[in-house]
Amino acid sequence: MRITLIDGSLGGAGGNTAAVIAPLLEALRARAAVETLHLAADARPLAALEPLLAASDGFVFATGTYWDSWGSPLQAFLERATGLEASPVWLGKPAAVVVTMHSVGGKAVLSRLQGVLSTLGLLLPPMSGLAYSYAGHLALERAAHADFWQRDDLAVVAHNLLEAARGGRDWRAWPVDGGDPHRRWL
C-alpha cells in the first residue's frame, strides 16, 4: 500500500506541521510505504507529480492555518490539480487531513479542505481529520481532556485511512467527552 503525504504548510519539513504529524507518519510507515511532498520546497510541475499521485492508494493533506485558510503552497497545488478532478488520480481514494494552528481557525480550515477534497473525488473515512492547536497543546501539558485533539489521536487517523485504503470497515474512534454536552462548564 502506498500513501502520499502532501504537506502544504509554509514551514515544510522543518515547520510545526511536520513536527505535529511525525507520529502519524510513524503509524503509517508501520503498515505502508509513505511518500512525502513538502510543497513549500517542491517546485516540480503537476505533470511530474501525477505518476506518484496516480500510484497512491491514499493521501494525507497537512497544512498550517494562515489568515483563516490553508497554506499558499497547498492553494497553488490545488489550483494546478483542478484538471485532475474526478479522475482516477483521486476518485474514491481515501484522504486524511491534519491542520495545525496557533490558537484558532484550524477547524474551519479542516472542514473547508475536506469539502474541496471530496469535490475532487477523494473519500473521507471516519475520524480522518484533525486540527491541532498550540493553545490546545499548552492546555494538555496541564491536564488531559478528551475533547482536545491530541497527537495520540493521529494513530486513529492513520488506522482509519489505511483501513479505507484496503477496503475494510474496522473503524476506530478517538476518546471523546461522553458527559452531558449541555452542562455548564464556566
N, C-alpha and C. Protein backbone atom coordinates (compact mmCIF):
# COMPACT_ATOMS: atom_id res chain seq x y z
N MET A 1 0.84 -1.17 0.00
CA MET A 1 0.00 0.00 0.00
C MET A 1 0.89 1.24 0.00
N ARG A 2 0.50 2.25 -0.76
CA ARG A 2 1.29 3.49 -0.85
C ARG A 2 0.42 4.68 -0.46
N ILE A 3 0.91 5.45 0.52
CA ILE A 3 0.25 6.66 0.98
C ILE A 3 1.15 7.84 0.64
N THR A 4 0.56 8.91 0.13
CA THR A 4 1.33 10.12 -0.16
C THR A 4 0.88 11.23 0.77
N LEU A 5 1.84 11.79 1.49
CA LEU A 5 1.60 12.95 2.34
C LEU A 5 1.88 14.19 1.52
N ILE A 6 0.92 15.09 1.48
CA ILE A 6 1.08 16.36 0.78
C ILE A 6 1.05 17.45 1.85
N ASP A 7 2.22 17.97 2.17
CA ASP A 7 2.36 19.00 3.20
C ASP A 7 2.32 20.36 2.52
N GLY A 8 1.23 21.09 2.75
CA GLY A 8 1.05 22.40 2.14
C GLY A 8 1.35 23.55 3.07
N SER A 9 2.03 23.27 4.17
CA SER A 9 2.36 24.34 5.12
C SER A 9 3.53 25.17 4.61
N LEU A 10 3.66 26.36 5.15
CA LEU A 10 4.77 27.24 4.76
C LEU A 10 6.09 26.75 5.33
N GLY A 11 6.06 26.08 6.48
CA GLY A 11 7.28 25.64 7.15
C GLY A 11 7.90 24.39 6.55
N GLY A 12 7.14 23.66 5.75
CA GLY A 12 7.67 22.45 5.11
C GLY A 12 8.21 21.45 6.11
N ALA A 13 9.26 20.76 5.73
CA ALA A 13 9.82 19.67 6.54
C ALA A 13 10.32 20.13 7.90
N GLY A 14 10.64 21.41 8.07
CA GLY A 14 11.16 21.90 9.34
C GLY A 14 10.15 22.67 10.17
N GLY A 15 8.89 22.69 9.76
CA GLY A 15 7.90 23.51 10.45
C GLY A 15 7.10 22.78 11.51
N ASN A 16 6.20 23.52 12.14
CA ASN A 16 5.35 22.97 13.19
C ASN A 16 4.45 21.85 12.69
N THR A 17 3.91 22.01 11.48
CA THR A 17 3.03 20.97 10.94
C THR A 17 3.78 19.66 10.80
N ALA A 18 4.99 19.71 10.28
CA ALA A 18 5.80 18.49 10.14
C ALA A 18 6.07 17.85 11.51
N ALA A 19 6.29 18.68 12.53
CA ALA A 19 6.53 18.14 13.87
C ALA A 19 5.26 17.49 14.43
N VAL A 20 4.12 18.10 14.20
CA VAL A 20 2.86 17.55 14.72
C VAL A 20 2.53 16.22 14.05
N ILE A 21 2.76 16.10 12.75
CA ILE A 21 2.36 14.89 12.04
C ILE A 21 3.38 13.75 12.12
N ALA A 22 4.50 13.96 12.80
CA ALA A 22 5.51 12.91 12.90
C ALA A 22 4.94 11.59 13.43
N PRO A 23 4.09 11.59 14.48
CA PRO A 23 3.52 10.31 14.93
C PRO A 23 2.60 9.68 13.89
N LEU A 24 1.92 10.49 13.10
CA LEU A 24 1.07 9.98 12.04
C LEU A 24 1.90 9.25 10.99
N LEU A 25 3.00 9.88 10.60
CA LEU A 25 3.88 9.25 9.61
C LEU A 25 4.46 7.94 10.14
N GLU A 26 4.82 7.93 11.41
CA GLU A 26 5.35 6.71 12.01
C GLU A 26 4.31 5.59 11.98
N ALA A 27 3.07 5.92 12.32
CA ALA A 27 2.00 4.92 12.30
C ALA A 27 1.72 4.43 10.88
N LEU A 28 1.76 5.32 9.92
CA LEU A 28 1.53 4.92 8.53
C LEU A 28 2.67 4.05 8.02
N ARG A 29 3.90 4.43 8.32
CA ARG A 29 5.06 3.69 7.82
C ARG A 29 5.14 2.27 8.38
N ALA A 30 4.47 2.01 9.48
CA ALA A 30 4.45 0.66 10.04
C ALA A 30 3.66 -0.30 9.16
N ARG A 31 2.76 0.25 8.33
CA ARG A 31 1.89 -0.61 7.52
C ARG A 31 1.86 -0.26 6.04
N ALA A 32 2.58 0.79 5.62
CA ALA A 32 2.51 1.23 4.22
C ALA A 32 3.79 1.95 3.82
N ALA A 33 4.00 2.02 2.52
CA ALA A 33 5.08 2.87 2.00
C ALA A 33 4.54 4.29 1.97
N VAL A 34 5.32 5.24 2.44
CA VAL A 34 4.87 6.63 2.51
C VAL A 34 5.82 7.52 1.70
N GLU A 35 5.25 8.27 0.79
CA GLU A 35 5.98 9.30 0.04
C GLU A 35 5.57 10.65 0.63
N THR A 36 6.51 11.56 0.75
CA THR A 36 6.22 12.86 1.33
C THR A 36 6.55 13.97 0.35
N LEU A 37 5.58 14.85 0.14
CA LEU A 37 5.78 16.04 -0.68
C LEU A 37 5.64 17.26 0.22
N HIS A 38 6.72 18.00 0.41
CA HIS A 38 6.65 19.27 1.13
C HIS A 38 6.56 20.35 0.05
N LEU A 39 5.35 20.82 -0.21
CA LEU A 39 5.09 21.70 -1.34
C LEU A 39 5.85 23.02 -1.28
N ALA A 40 6.19 23.48 -0.08
CA ALA A 40 6.92 24.75 0.05
C ALA A 40 8.29 24.67 -0.61
N ALA A 41 8.85 23.46 -0.69
CA ALA A 41 10.19 23.29 -1.25
C ALA A 41 10.20 22.48 -2.55
N ASP A 42 9.05 22.01 -2.99
CA ASP A 42 8.98 21.14 -4.17
C ASP A 42 8.38 21.93 -5.33
N ALA A 43 9.21 22.31 -6.27
CA ALA A 43 8.78 23.14 -7.39
C ALA A 43 8.43 22.34 -8.64
N ARG A 44 8.36 21.02 -8.52
CA ARG A 44 8.05 20.21 -9.69
C ARG A 44 6.67 20.55 -10.23
N PRO A 45 6.52 20.56 -11.54
CA PRO A 45 5.18 20.80 -12.11
C PRO A 45 4.26 19.61 -11.82
N LEU A 46 2.97 19.84 -11.91
CA LEU A 46 2.00 18.80 -11.63
C LEU A 46 2.22 17.57 -12.51
N ALA A 47 2.60 17.76 -13.76
CA ALA A 47 2.82 16.63 -14.66
C ALA A 47 3.90 15.69 -14.12
N ALA A 48 4.88 16.24 -13.42
CA ALA A 48 5.94 15.41 -12.84
C ALA A 48 5.45 14.67 -11.59
N LEU A 49 4.46 15.23 -10.90
CA LEU A 49 3.91 14.61 -9.69
C LEU A 49 2.78 13.63 -9.99
N GLU A 50 2.16 13.78 -11.14
CA GLU A 50 0.98 12.98 -11.45
C GLU A 50 1.21 11.47 -11.36
N PRO A 51 2.33 10.92 -11.84
CA PRO A 51 2.52 9.47 -11.69
C PRO A 51 2.55 9.02 -10.22
N LEU A 52 3.18 9.80 -9.36
CA LEU A 52 3.20 9.48 -7.93
C LEU A 52 1.78 9.52 -7.36
N LEU A 53 1.04 10.57 -7.69
CA LEU A 53 -0.32 10.70 -7.19
C LEU A 53 -1.20 9.55 -7.69
N ALA A 54 -1.06 9.21 -8.96
CA ALA A 54 -1.87 8.14 -9.55
C ALA A 54 -1.56 6.79 -8.92
N ALA A 55 -0.31 6.58 -8.52
CA ALA A 55 0.09 5.29 -7.92
C ALA A 55 -0.26 5.20 -6.44
N SER A 56 -0.73 6.28 -5.86
CA SER A 56 -1.04 6.31 -4.43
C SER A 56 -2.38 5.66 -4.15
N ASP A 57 -2.43 4.95 -3.01
CA ASP A 57 -3.66 4.31 -2.57
C ASP A 57 -4.44 5.20 -1.62
N GLY A 58 -3.81 6.24 -1.11
CA GLY A 58 -4.45 7.17 -0.19
C GLY A 58 -3.54 8.36 0.04
N PHE A 59 -4.10 9.38 0.68
CA PHE A 59 -3.38 10.64 0.84
C PHE A 59 -3.59 11.21 2.25
N VAL A 60 -2.57 11.94 2.70
CA VAL A 60 -2.70 12.80 3.87
C VAL A 60 -2.39 14.20 3.39
N PHE A 61 -3.28 15.11 3.65
CA PHE A 61 -3.06 16.52 3.37
C PHE A 61 -2.81 17.20 4.71
N ALA A 62 -1.71 17.94 4.81
CA ALA A 62 -1.35 18.61 6.06
C ALA A 62 -1.05 20.07 5.75
N THR A 63 -1.43 20.94 6.65
CA THR A 63 -1.18 22.37 6.45
C THR A 63 -1.29 23.11 7.77
N GLY A 64 -0.66 24.23 7.82
CA GLY A 64 -0.89 25.17 8.91
C GLY A 64 -2.10 26.02 8.58
N THR A 65 -2.45 26.91 9.51
CA THR A 65 -3.55 27.85 9.31
C THR A 65 -2.96 29.24 9.16
N TYR A 66 -3.30 29.89 8.06
CA TYR A 66 -2.76 31.21 7.74
C TYR A 66 -3.92 32.12 7.33
N TRP A 67 -4.24 33.08 8.17
CA TRP A 67 -5.30 34.03 7.87
C TRP A 67 -6.58 33.30 7.46
N ASP A 68 -6.99 32.36 8.30
CA ASP A 68 -8.23 31.60 8.12
C ASP A 68 -8.23 30.70 6.89
N SER A 69 -7.07 30.30 6.42
CA SER A 69 -7.01 29.40 5.27
C SER A 69 -5.81 28.48 5.38
N TRP A 70 -5.68 27.57 4.42
CA TRP A 70 -4.54 26.68 4.37
C TRP A 70 -3.37 27.42 3.74
N GLY A 71 -2.22 26.80 3.77
CA GLY A 71 -1.01 27.42 3.26
C GLY A 71 -1.04 27.69 1.77
N SER A 72 -0.36 28.75 1.37
CA SER A 72 -0.31 29.11 -0.05
C SER A 72 0.30 28.01 -0.92
N PRO A 73 1.27 27.21 -0.43
CA PRO A 73 1.75 26.11 -1.28
C PRO A 73 0.63 25.10 -1.59
N LEU A 74 -0.23 24.85 -0.62
CA LEU A 74 -1.34 23.93 -0.86
C LEU A 74 -2.36 24.56 -1.80
N GLN A 75 -2.62 25.84 -1.64
CA GLN A 75 -3.57 26.52 -2.53
C GLN A 75 -3.09 26.44 -3.98
N ALA A 76 -1.82 26.71 -4.20
CA ALA A 76 -1.28 26.64 -5.56
C ALA A 76 -1.37 25.22 -6.11
N PHE A 77 -1.10 24.23 -5.26
CA PHE A 77 -1.19 22.83 -5.68
C PHE A 77 -2.63 22.49 -6.08
N LEU A 78 -3.60 22.87 -5.26
CA LEU A 78 -4.99 22.57 -5.56
C LEU A 78 -5.44 23.26 -6.84
N GLU A 79 -4.97 24.46 -7.07
CA GLU A 79 -5.31 25.15 -8.31
C GLU A 79 -4.75 24.41 -9.52
N ARG A 80 -3.51 23.94 -9.42
CA ARG A 80 -2.92 23.18 -10.53
C ARG A 80 -3.59 21.83 -10.70
N ALA A 81 -4.05 21.23 -9.60
CA ALA A 81 -4.63 19.88 -9.65
C ALA A 81 -6.10 19.87 -10.06
N THR A 82 -6.68 21.03 -10.30
CA THR A 82 -8.09 21.10 -10.67
C THR A 82 -8.39 20.26 -11.91
N GLY A 83 -7.47 20.19 -12.84
CA GLY A 83 -7.69 19.39 -14.05
C GLY A 83 -7.76 17.89 -13.78
N LEU A 84 -7.38 17.47 -12.60
CA LEU A 84 -7.44 16.05 -12.24
C LEU A 84 -8.71 15.70 -11.47
N GLU A 85 -9.60 16.68 -11.30
CA GLU A 85 -10.84 16.45 -10.56
C GLU A 85 -11.61 15.28 -11.18
N ALA A 86 -12.10 14.39 -10.34
CA ALA A 86 -12.91 13.23 -10.74
C ALA A 86 -12.14 12.25 -11.63
N SER A 87 -10.83 12.35 -11.64
CA SER A 87 -10.01 11.43 -12.44
C SER A 87 -9.57 10.26 -11.56
N PRO A 88 -9.04 9.21 -12.16
CA PRO A 88 -8.55 8.07 -11.37
C PRO A 88 -7.43 8.45 -10.39
N VAL A 89 -6.80 9.60 -10.57
CA VAL A 89 -5.78 10.05 -9.63
C VAL A 89 -6.38 10.18 -8.24
N TRP A 90 -7.60 10.70 -8.14
CA TRP A 90 -8.24 10.96 -6.85
C TRP A 90 -9.45 10.06 -6.58
N LEU A 91 -10.21 9.73 -7.59
CA LEU A 91 -11.55 9.18 -7.43
C LEU A 91 -11.62 7.95 -6.54
N GLY A 92 -12.31 8.10 -5.41
CA GLY A 92 -12.53 7.01 -4.48
C GLY A 92 -11.37 6.67 -3.58
N LYS A 93 -10.26 7.38 -3.70
CA LYS A 93 -9.11 7.11 -2.82
C LYS A 93 -9.30 7.86 -1.51
N PRO A 94 -8.95 7.24 -0.38
CA PRO A 94 -9.17 7.89 0.91
C PRO A 94 -8.15 9.00 1.18
N ALA A 95 -8.62 9.99 1.92
CA ALA A 95 -7.76 11.11 2.31
C ALA A 95 -7.97 11.44 3.78
N ALA A 96 -6.89 11.75 4.44
CA ALA A 96 -6.92 12.28 5.80
C ALA A 96 -6.40 13.71 5.74
N VAL A 97 -6.80 14.51 6.71
CA VAL A 97 -6.38 15.91 6.75
C VAL A 97 -5.94 16.26 8.17
N VAL A 98 -4.77 16.89 8.27
CA VAL A 98 -4.29 17.40 9.55
C VAL A 98 -3.97 18.88 9.37
N VAL A 99 -4.58 19.68 10.22
CA VAL A 99 -4.39 21.13 10.17
C VAL A 99 -3.81 21.57 11.50
N THR A 100 -2.78 22.39 11.45
CA THR A 100 -2.23 22.98 12.67
C THR A 100 -2.62 24.45 12.72
N MET A 101 -2.61 24.98 13.94
CA MET A 101 -2.97 26.38 14.14
C MET A 101 -2.33 26.86 15.42
N HIS A 102 -2.15 28.15 15.51
CA HIS A 102 -1.62 28.73 16.73
C HIS A 102 -2.67 28.66 17.82
N SER A 103 -3.84 29.24 17.56
CA SER A 103 -4.87 29.22 18.59
C SER A 103 -6.25 28.93 18.02
N VAL A 104 -6.63 29.56 16.91
CA VAL A 104 -7.99 29.40 16.39
C VAL A 104 -7.96 29.30 14.86
N GLY A 105 -9.08 28.87 14.31
CA GLY A 105 -9.28 28.86 12.86
C GLY A 105 -9.04 27.54 12.17
N GLY A 106 -8.32 26.64 12.80
CA GLY A 106 -7.95 25.40 12.14
C GLY A 106 -9.11 24.47 11.84
N LYS A 107 -10.11 24.42 12.72
CA LYS A 107 -11.25 23.54 12.47
C LYS A 107 -12.01 23.99 11.22
N ALA A 108 -12.14 25.29 11.03
CA ALA A 108 -12.82 25.79 9.82
C ALA A 108 -12.00 25.45 8.58
N VAL A 109 -10.68 25.57 8.67
CA VAL A 109 -9.81 25.21 7.55
C VAL A 109 -9.95 23.71 7.26
N LEU A 110 -9.97 22.90 8.31
CA LEU A 110 -10.13 21.45 8.15
C LEU A 110 -11.43 21.13 7.40
N SER A 111 -12.53 21.70 7.84
CA SER A 111 -13.82 21.42 7.21
C SER A 111 -13.85 21.87 5.75
N ARG A 112 -13.33 23.05 5.49
CA ARG A 112 -13.31 23.56 4.11
C ARG A 112 -12.44 22.69 3.22
N LEU A 113 -11.27 22.29 3.73
CA LEU A 113 -10.37 21.47 2.94
C LEU A 113 -10.98 20.09 2.67
N GLN A 114 -11.64 19.52 3.66
CA GLN A 114 -12.31 18.24 3.42
C GLN A 114 -13.37 18.38 2.34
N GLY A 115 -14.07 19.50 2.31
CA GLY A 115 -15.06 19.74 1.25
C GLY A 115 -14.42 19.79 -0.12
N VAL A 116 -13.28 20.47 -0.23
CA VAL A 116 -12.56 20.54 -1.51
C VAL A 116 -12.11 19.15 -1.94
N LEU A 117 -11.55 18.39 -1.02
CA LEU A 117 -11.04 17.06 -1.35
C LEU A 117 -12.18 16.13 -1.78
N SER A 118 -13.31 16.23 -1.12
CA SER A 118 -14.46 15.43 -1.52
C SER A 118 -14.90 15.80 -2.94
N THR A 119 -14.89 17.08 -3.26
CA THR A 119 -15.27 17.52 -4.59
C THR A 119 -14.27 17.03 -5.64
N LEU A 120 -13.00 16.95 -5.29
CA LEU A 120 -12.01 16.39 -6.21
C LEU A 120 -12.29 14.92 -6.51
N GLY A 121 -12.97 14.25 -5.58
CA GLY A 121 -13.30 12.85 -5.76
C GLY A 121 -12.75 11.94 -4.69
N LEU A 122 -12.08 12.50 -3.70
CA LEU A 122 -11.49 11.70 -2.64
C LEU A 122 -12.55 11.25 -1.63
N LEU A 123 -12.27 10.15 -0.96
CA LEU A 123 -13.13 9.56 0.06
C LEU A 123 -12.63 9.99 1.43
N LEU A 124 -13.54 10.38 2.31
CA LEU A 124 -13.16 10.79 3.67
C LEU A 124 -13.59 9.74 4.67
N PRO A 125 -12.66 8.94 5.18
CA PRO A 125 -13.01 7.94 6.20
C PRO A 125 -13.43 8.62 7.49
N PRO A 126 -14.09 7.89 8.40
CA PRO A 126 -14.46 8.49 9.69
C PRO A 126 -13.21 8.86 10.49
N MET A 127 -13.35 9.92 11.23
CA MET A 127 -12.29 10.39 12.12
C MET A 127 -10.93 10.44 11.42
N SER A 128 -10.93 11.05 10.24
CA SER A 128 -9.71 11.17 9.45
C SER A 128 -9.28 12.62 9.30
N GLY A 129 -9.88 13.51 10.07
CA GLY A 129 -9.50 14.91 10.05
C GLY A 129 -9.22 15.40 11.46
N LEU A 130 -8.15 16.15 11.62
CA LEU A 130 -7.74 16.58 12.95
C LEU A 130 -7.15 17.98 12.86
N ALA A 131 -7.56 18.85 13.78
CA ALA A 131 -6.99 20.20 13.86
C ALA A 131 -6.27 20.32 15.20
N TYR A 132 -4.97 20.54 15.15
CA TYR A 132 -4.14 20.57 16.36
C TYR A 132 -3.65 22.00 16.59
N SER A 133 -3.88 22.48 17.80
CA SER A 133 -3.51 23.86 18.10
C SER A 133 -2.41 23.95 19.14
N TYR A 134 -1.65 25.01 19.04
CA TYR A 134 -0.65 25.32 20.05
C TYR A 134 -1.34 25.58 21.39
N ALA A 135 -2.48 26.27 21.36
CA ALA A 135 -3.22 26.56 22.58
C ALA A 135 -3.67 25.25 23.25
N GLY A 136 -4.19 24.30 22.46
CA GLY A 136 -4.58 23.01 23.00
C GLY A 136 -3.39 22.24 23.53
N HIS A 137 -2.27 22.34 22.82
CA HIS A 137 -1.04 21.68 23.24
C HIS A 137 -0.63 22.17 24.64
N LEU A 138 -0.70 23.48 24.85
CA LEU A 138 -0.35 24.04 26.16
C LEU A 138 -1.33 23.58 27.23
N ALA A 139 -2.62 23.53 26.90
CA ALA A 139 -3.63 23.09 27.85
C ALA A 139 -3.40 21.63 28.23
N LEU A 140 -3.06 20.80 27.25
CA LEU A 140 -2.85 19.37 27.51
C LEU A 140 -1.61 19.12 28.36
N GLU A 141 -0.66 20.06 28.35
CA GLU A 141 0.50 19.91 29.22
C GLU A 141 0.08 20.00 30.68
N ARG A 142 -1.02 20.69 30.96
CA ARG A 142 -1.52 20.84 32.34
C ARG A 142 -2.44 19.69 32.74
N ALA A 143 -3.30 19.24 31.83
CA ALA A 143 -4.25 18.17 32.16
C ALA A 143 -4.83 17.58 30.88
N ALA A 144 -4.95 16.27 30.84
CA ALA A 144 -5.56 15.61 29.69
C ALA A 144 -7.06 15.91 29.67
N HIS A 145 -7.60 16.05 28.49
CA HIS A 145 -9.03 16.29 28.32
C HIS A 145 -9.45 15.68 26.99
N ALA A 146 -10.48 14.85 27.02
CA ALA A 146 -10.87 14.09 25.84
C ALA A 146 -11.33 14.97 24.68
N ASP A 147 -11.81 16.17 24.94
CA ASP A 147 -12.33 16.99 23.85
C ASP A 147 -11.29 17.88 23.17
N PHE A 148 -10.03 17.78 23.58
CA PHE A 148 -8.96 18.43 22.83
C PHE A 148 -8.36 17.39 21.90
N TRP A 149 -8.19 17.74 20.62
CA TRP A 149 -7.46 16.84 19.75
C TRP A 149 -6.04 16.72 20.28
N GLN A 150 -5.54 15.50 20.30
CA GLN A 150 -4.22 15.22 20.84
C GLN A 150 -3.39 14.50 19.79
N ARG A 151 -2.10 14.57 19.94
CA ARG A 151 -1.24 13.88 18.97
C ARG A 151 -1.47 12.38 18.99
N ASP A 152 -1.89 11.82 20.12
CA ASP A 152 -2.21 10.39 20.18
C ASP A 152 -3.37 10.04 19.24
N ASP A 153 -4.24 11.01 18.97
CA ASP A 153 -5.38 10.77 18.07
C ASP A 153 -4.93 10.52 16.64
N LEU A 154 -3.70 10.86 16.31
CA LEU A 154 -3.18 10.62 14.96
C LEU A 154 -3.10 9.13 14.65
N ALA A 155 -2.98 8.29 15.69
CA ALA A 155 -2.99 6.84 15.46
C ALA A 155 -4.34 6.40 14.91
N VAL A 156 -5.42 7.03 15.36
CA VAL A 156 -6.76 6.74 14.84
C VAL A 156 -6.87 7.21 13.39
N VAL A 157 -6.36 8.40 13.12
CA VAL A 157 -6.38 8.92 11.75
C VAL A 157 -5.64 7.96 10.82
N ALA A 158 -4.45 7.52 11.23
CA ALA A 158 -3.66 6.59 10.41
C ALA A 158 -4.40 5.28 10.21
N HIS A 159 -4.94 4.73 11.29
CA HIS A 159 -5.65 3.45 11.17
C HIS A 159 -6.83 3.57 10.20
N ASN A 160 -7.66 4.58 10.36
CA ASN A 160 -8.85 4.71 9.53
C ASN A 160 -8.50 4.99 8.07
N LEU A 161 -7.44 5.75 7.82
CA LEU A 161 -7.00 5.98 6.44
C LEU A 161 -6.56 4.67 5.81
N LEU A 162 -5.73 3.91 6.51
CA LEU A 162 -5.24 2.64 5.97
C LEU A 162 -6.37 1.62 5.83
N GLU A 163 -7.29 1.63 6.76
CA GLU A 163 -8.44 0.73 6.68
C GLU A 163 -9.27 1.03 5.44
N ALA A 164 -9.50 2.30 5.17
CA ALA A 164 -10.24 2.69 3.97
C ALA A 164 -9.47 2.31 2.71
N ALA A 165 -8.16 2.49 2.73
CA ALA A 165 -7.34 2.18 1.55
C ALA A 165 -7.36 0.70 1.23
N ARG A 166 -7.49 -0.13 2.23
CA ARG A 166 -7.52 -1.58 1.99
C ARG A 166 -8.95 -2.09 1.77
N GLY A 167 -9.93 -1.21 1.86
CA GLY A 167 -11.31 -1.60 1.62
C GLY A 167 -12.03 -2.17 2.83
N GLY A 168 -11.45 -1.98 4.00
CA GLY A 168 -12.05 -2.51 5.22
C GLY A 168 -13.02 -1.55 5.86
N ARG A 169 -13.60 -2.00 6.98
CA ARG A 169 -14.55 -1.18 7.72
C ARG A 169 -14.34 -1.29 9.23
N ASP A 170 -13.13 -1.66 9.64
CA ASP A 170 -12.81 -1.80 11.06
C ASP A 170 -12.37 -0.44 11.60
N TRP A 171 -13.32 0.48 11.73
CA TRP A 171 -13.01 1.86 12.11
C TRP A 171 -12.68 1.95 13.59
N ARG A 172 -11.87 2.92 13.92
CA ARG A 172 -11.56 3.25 15.31
C ARG A 172 -12.01 4.67 15.60
N ALA A 173 -12.15 4.98 16.87
CA ALA A 173 -12.54 6.32 17.30
C ALA A 173 -11.56 6.80 18.36
N TRP A 174 -11.33 8.09 18.39
CA TRP A 174 -10.51 8.64 19.47
C TRP A 174 -11.43 8.92 20.66
N PRO A 175 -10.85 9.13 21.84
CA PRO A 175 -11.68 9.40 23.03
C PRO A 175 -12.46 10.71 22.86
N VAL A 176 -13.68 10.69 23.36
CA VAL A 176 -14.49 11.90 23.37
C VAL A 176 -15.07 12.08 24.76
N ASP A 177 -15.42 13.29 25.09
CA ASP A 177 -16.06 13.59 26.36
C ASP A 177 -17.51 13.13 26.26
N GLY A 178 -17.83 12.03 26.93
CA GLY A 178 -19.16 11.47 26.86
C GLY A 178 -20.12 12.02 27.90
N GLY A 179 -19.70 13.02 28.61
CA GLY A 179 -20.56 13.61 29.64
C GLY A 179 -21.68 14.44 29.02
N ASP A 180 -22.38 15.13 29.83
CA ASP A 180 -23.51 15.97 29.40
C ASP A 180 -22.98 17.14 28.57
N PRO A 181 -23.27 17.16 27.26
CA PRO A 181 -22.75 18.25 26.43
C PRO A 181 -23.39 19.60 26.74
N HIS A 182 -24.49 19.56 27.51
CA HIS A 182 -25.19 20.82 27.83
C HIS A 182 -24.85 21.35 29.22
N ARG A 183 -23.95 20.62 29.91
CA ARG A 183 -23.60 21.04 31.27
C ARG A 183 -22.86 22.38 31.22
N ARG A 184 -23.01 23.11 32.27
CA ARG A 184 -22.30 24.39 32.37
C ARG A 184 -20.85 24.11 32.68
N TRP A 185 -19.96 24.70 31.92
CA TRP A 185 -18.53 24.49 32.14
C TRP A 185 -17.81 25.76 32.57
N LEU A 186 -18.53 26.85 32.63
CA LEU A 186 -17.92 28.13 33.03
C LEU A 186 -18.55 28.60 34.32
